[in-house]
Protein backbone atom coordinates (compact mmCIF):
# COMPACT_ATOMS: atom_id res chain seq x y z
CA MET A 1 48.82 -52.98 29.89
CA THR A 2 46.02 -51.21 29.77
CA ILE A 3 46.87 -47.00 29.80
CA ASN A 4 45.22 -47.05 33.69
CA HIS A 5 47.63 -50.14 35.14
CA THR A 6 50.46 -47.71 33.08
CA ILE A 7 48.98 -44.67 35.08
CA LYS A 8 48.52 -46.65 38.22
CA THR A 9 52.21 -48.08 38.22
CA ILE A 10 54.24 -45.28 37.96
CA VAL A 11 51.95 -43.25 40.21
CA LEU A 12 52.83 -46.11 42.73
CA PHE A 13 56.71 -46.46 42.35
CA GLY A 14 56.49 -42.01 41.84
CA THR A 15 55.07 -42.27 45.35
CA LEU A 16 57.63 -45.06 46.54
CA ALA A 17 60.77 -42.67 45.38
CA PHE A 18 59.28 -39.75 47.11
CA LEU A 19 58.45 -42.02 50.65
CA ALA A 20 62.15 -43.45 50.25
CA SER A 21 63.87 -39.56 49.85
CA CYS A 22 62.20 -38.69 52.84
CA THR A 23 63.21 -41.84 54.83
CA SER A 24 67.02 -41.81 53.63
CA ALA A 25 67.18 -38.41 55.52
CA GLY A 26 69.69 -38.80 59.13
CA LYS A 27 71.97 -36.97 61.08
CA ASP A 28 74.32 -35.92 58.62
CA ASP A 29 72.15 -36.01 55.55
CA THR A 30 68.90 -34.00 56.11
CA GLY A 31 67.31 -35.37 52.90
CA LEU A 32 65.93 -33.10 50.39
CA GLU A 33 64.70 -29.53 50.10
CA TYR A 34 61.34 -29.26 48.77
CA ALA A 35 60.01 -26.27 49.72
CA PRO A 36 63.49 -24.01 49.61
CA ASN A 37 62.17 -20.86 50.23
CA MET A 38 60.24 -22.07 53.67
CA TYR A 39 63.75 -22.33 55.22
CA ASN A 40 65.57 -19.61 53.74
CA SER A 41 63.87 -15.85 54.99
CA VAL A 42 64.54 -13.22 52.62
CA SER A 43 64.18 -10.63 55.18
CA TYR A 44 67.00 -8.77 56.66
CA LYS A 45 68.76 -10.19 59.38
CA PRO A 46 70.39 -7.45 61.23
CA LEU A 47 73.70 -9.86 62.59
CA LYS A 48 74.02 -11.51 59.21
CA GLN A 49 74.99 -10.40 55.78
CA ILE A 50 75.94 -12.02 52.39
CA THR A 51 76.51 -9.66 49.68
CA ASP A 52 77.12 -12.11 46.48
CA LYS A 53 73.84 -11.67 45.04
CA GLU A 54 74.51 -15.00 43.31
CA ALA A 55 73.98 -17.02 46.40
CA GLY A 56 71.49 -19.26 46.52
CA GLU A 57 70.38 -18.86 43.20
CA TRP A 58 69.73 -22.14 42.17
CA VAL A 59 66.39 -22.39 44.61
CA SER A 60 65.33 -18.78 44.33
CA SER A 61 61.89 -18.57 43.04
CA ILE A 62 61.89 -15.28 42.34
CA ASP A 63 62.38 -13.46 39.42
CA ASP A 64 64.43 -10.54 40.53
CA GLY A 65 68.09 -11.92 39.80
CA GLN A 66 69.25 -12.64 42.92
CA GLY A 67 69.90 -15.55 44.96
CA GLU A 68 67.76 -17.12 47.71
CA TYR A 69 70.48 -16.05 50.43
CA TYR A 70 71.74 -12.60 49.24
CA ASN A 71 70.95 -10.71 52.67
CA SER A 72 72.13 -7.09 51.96
CA ASN A 73 71.07 -3.92 52.01
CA PRO A 74 71.94 -1.69 49.45
CA ASN A 75 70.43 1.33 51.00
CA ASN A 76 73.11 1.95 53.81
CA PRO A 77 76.35 2.37 53.76
CA ASN A 78 78.35 -0.64 52.84
CA HIS A 79 75.36 -2.28 52.03
CA MET A 80 75.26 -3.17 56.52
CA ASN A 81 71.56 -4.39 57.29
CA MET A 82 72.25 -2.17 61.14
CA ARG A 83 72.60 1.00 61.24
CA VAL A 84 75.61 2.58 63.38
CA PRO A 85 73.02 4.83 65.92
CA VAL A 86 73.27 8.36 65.75
CA ALA A 87 76.29 9.58 67.17
CA ASN A 88 75.58 11.08 71.31
CA THR A 89 72.27 9.45 71.19
CA VAL A 90 71.23 6.81 74.14
CA LYS A 91 68.86 3.89 73.93
CA ARG A 92 65.60 4.26 75.65
CA ASN A 93 63.12 1.35 75.75
CA LYS A 94 58.96 1.24 75.15
CA ASN A 95 59.10 3.04 78.59
CA GLY A 96 61.88 5.43 78.11
CA PHE A 97 63.56 3.55 80.87
CA LEU A 98 67.82 4.52 80.18
CA PRO A 99 70.22 2.46 80.35
CA TYR A 100 70.98 1.32 84.10
CA ARG A 101 75.25 2.78 84.04
CA VAL A 102 76.08 3.34 87.66
CA PRO A 103 78.72 2.21 88.51
CA LYS A 104 78.88 -1.57 90.63
CA ASP A 105 81.39 0.27 93.44
CA SER A 106 78.51 3.03 93.75
CA ILE A 107 76.27 1.17 95.65
CA GLU A 108 75.74 4.01 98.51
CA TRP A 109 75.37 6.59 95.57
CA ALA A 110 72.54 4.62 94.34
CA SER A 111 70.88 3.56 97.67
CA GLU A 112 70.57 7.16 98.39
CA ASN A 113 69.54 8.90 95.00
CA LEU A 114 67.57 5.92 93.33
CA LYS A 115 63.51 5.97 93.05
CA ASN A 116 61.15 3.42 92.17
CA PRO A 117 59.15 4.50 89.43
CA TYR A 118 56.52 2.20 90.15
CA THR A 119 54.64 2.12 93.19
CA ALA A 120 52.72 -0.45 94.37
CA ASP A 121 49.51 -0.34 93.03
CA GLU A 122 51.38 -0.30 89.75
CA VAL A 123 53.20 -3.22 90.09
CA GLY A 124 50.55 -5.28 91.23
CA ALA A 125 50.41 -9.04 90.96
CA GLU A 126 53.56 -8.66 88.09
CA GLY A 127 56.27 -8.27 91.13
CA GLU A 128 55.47 -11.12 93.28
CA GLN A 129 55.55 -13.74 90.13
CA LEU A 130 58.98 -12.30 89.23
CA TYR A 131 59.81 -12.75 92.43
CA MET A 132 59.11 -16.15 93.25
CA ARG A 133 60.40 -17.04 89.58
CA PHE A 134 63.95 -15.95 90.07
CA CYS A 135 64.52 -15.25 93.70
CA SER A 136 62.69 -17.54 96.01
CA HIS A 137 64.99 -20.52 95.72
CA CYS A 138 67.18 -18.43 97.45
CA HIS A 139 65.82 -15.92 99.66
CA GLY A 140 62.33 -17.89 100.23
CA ASP A 141 58.59 -17.40 99.10
CA THR A 142 58.06 -14.85 102.40
CA GLY A 143 61.80 -13.54 101.99
CA LYS A 144 63.17 -15.07 104.90
CA GLY A 145 66.33 -16.80 103.43
CA ASP A 146 64.81 -20.22 103.62
CA GLY A 147 64.44 -20.97 99.88
CA LYS A 148 65.69 -24.34 98.85
CA VAL A 149 68.78 -23.52 97.96
CA GLY A 150 69.64 -20.49 100.57
CA VAL A 151 69.19 -23.54 103.31
CA ILE A 152 72.08 -25.30 101.69
CA PHE A 153 74.02 -22.24 101.11
CA GLN A 154 73.74 -20.90 104.78
CA GLY A 155 74.15 -16.69 104.74
CA VAL A 156 70.94 -15.34 102.51
CA PRO A 157 69.13 -12.70 104.42
CA ASN A 158 65.79 -12.18 106.20
CA TYR A 159 64.09 -9.63 104.14
CA ALA A 160 62.41 -8.38 107.42
CA ALA A 161 64.86 -8.67 109.80
CA ARG A 162 67.33 -5.68 110.45
CA PRO A 163 69.57 -3.99 108.70
CA THR A 164 67.82 -5.29 105.68
CA ASN A 165 64.78 -4.39 106.14
CA THR A 166 65.53 -0.57 106.18
CA LEU A 167 67.26 -1.03 102.45
CA SER A 168 66.24 1.17 99.72
CA GLN A 169 64.70 0.47 96.85
CA GLY A 170 68.02 1.94 95.15
CA HIS A 171 69.79 -0.91 96.66
CA ILE A 172 67.81 -3.39 96.22
CA PHE A 173 67.83 -2.58 92.35
CA HIS A 174 71.47 -1.87 92.57
CA VAL A 175 72.06 -5.23 93.83
CA ILE A 176 69.55 -7.29 91.54
CA THR A 177 71.57 -5.85 88.98
CA TYR A 178 75.50 -5.85 89.82
CA GLY A 179 74.54 -8.85 92.21
CA ILE A 180 76.58 -9.13 96.05
CA ARG A 181 79.17 -11.53 97.85
CA ARG A 182 77.90 -15.05 96.55
CA MET A 183 74.93 -13.51 94.79
CA GLY A 184 75.31 -12.89 91.01
CA SER A 185 74.29 -10.78 88.72
CA HIS A 186 70.32 -10.88 87.74
CA ALA A 187 71.07 -7.90 84.95
CA SER A 188 71.01 -10.20 82.29
CA GLN A 189 67.69 -12.02 83.29
CA LEU A 190 65.79 -9.08 84.17
CA SER A 191 65.01 -6.03 82.49
CA VAL A 192 65.09 -2.92 83.91
CA GLU A 193 61.64 -2.65 84.77
CA GLU A 194 61.03 -5.75 85.62
CA ARG A 195 64.14 -5.19 88.54
CA TRP A 196 61.99 -1.98 90.17
CA LYS A 197 59.04 -4.47 90.32
CA ILE A 198 60.86 -7.33 92.01
CA ALA A 199 62.15 -4.38 94.19
CA ARG A 200 58.77 -3.33 94.99
CA HIS A 201 57.95 -6.57 96.12
CA VAL A 202 60.62 -6.82 98.21
CA GLU A 203 59.85 -3.82 100.08
CA LYS A 204 56.42 -5.61 101.01
CA LEU A 205 58.59 -8.80 102.37
CA GLN A 206 60.60 -6.31 104.24
CA ASN A 207 57.39 -4.82 105.93
CA GLN A 208 56.26 -8.09 107.31
C-alpha cells in the first residue's frame, strides 16, 4: 500500500467518522459541540449569574483562568451583574418619558389632565400603522366598531358617534393602558409613546 493510498484511506475514514458524529444527534442528544465558544457568550448577562470561576473550564479557549460559563461581575457588590437603581430615582426612556403610574380607577383625572405629547404631524402614518396592528381587529379599520372580532363580540363603540367622539386623548391613552370592560390592557404590548400615537390616530377617527 502506497503512502498516498494510506493518506486517502485515513482521510476517507476521518470524513465518515465526522459525518457519523453529525448525524447521530437527535431530540435528546444534540451531538458534539465543535465550537463551544460560539454557544456560550462571555459577556455579562443581567439575569444570569455563575460565580464559580471554574464552571465550563473544559470548553474555554481563553487562557485567563476562568471557565467558559463563569458569568459574574467582580466590580459590583456581591459580584452581581445587575445594579440596584439609585435610591429615589425614576427610570426614563430615551425620549424622557416617565413610567405611567396613574391608578386604573383614576380615569376621570386622566381624561381631564393628561395631554398628548405628540401632534398629528409628529405622529404621521405611524399612529395608523400601530392602530391597524393592535386595534383594528375589534374597532375596525375606520373606527366604526366593525372589526372581525368586534362583529362577533358586539358592543365595540363607534369612535365617530357620541359620546365616544368627545373622549379626550388622556381618556383614550388611559383605556389603552389599563383596558375597559371586555377590552384588556395593552400596556405590555405597547410602549408609552406608541399608546400616545394610537390615541392621536383615534382622534382622527373621532372627527370623521
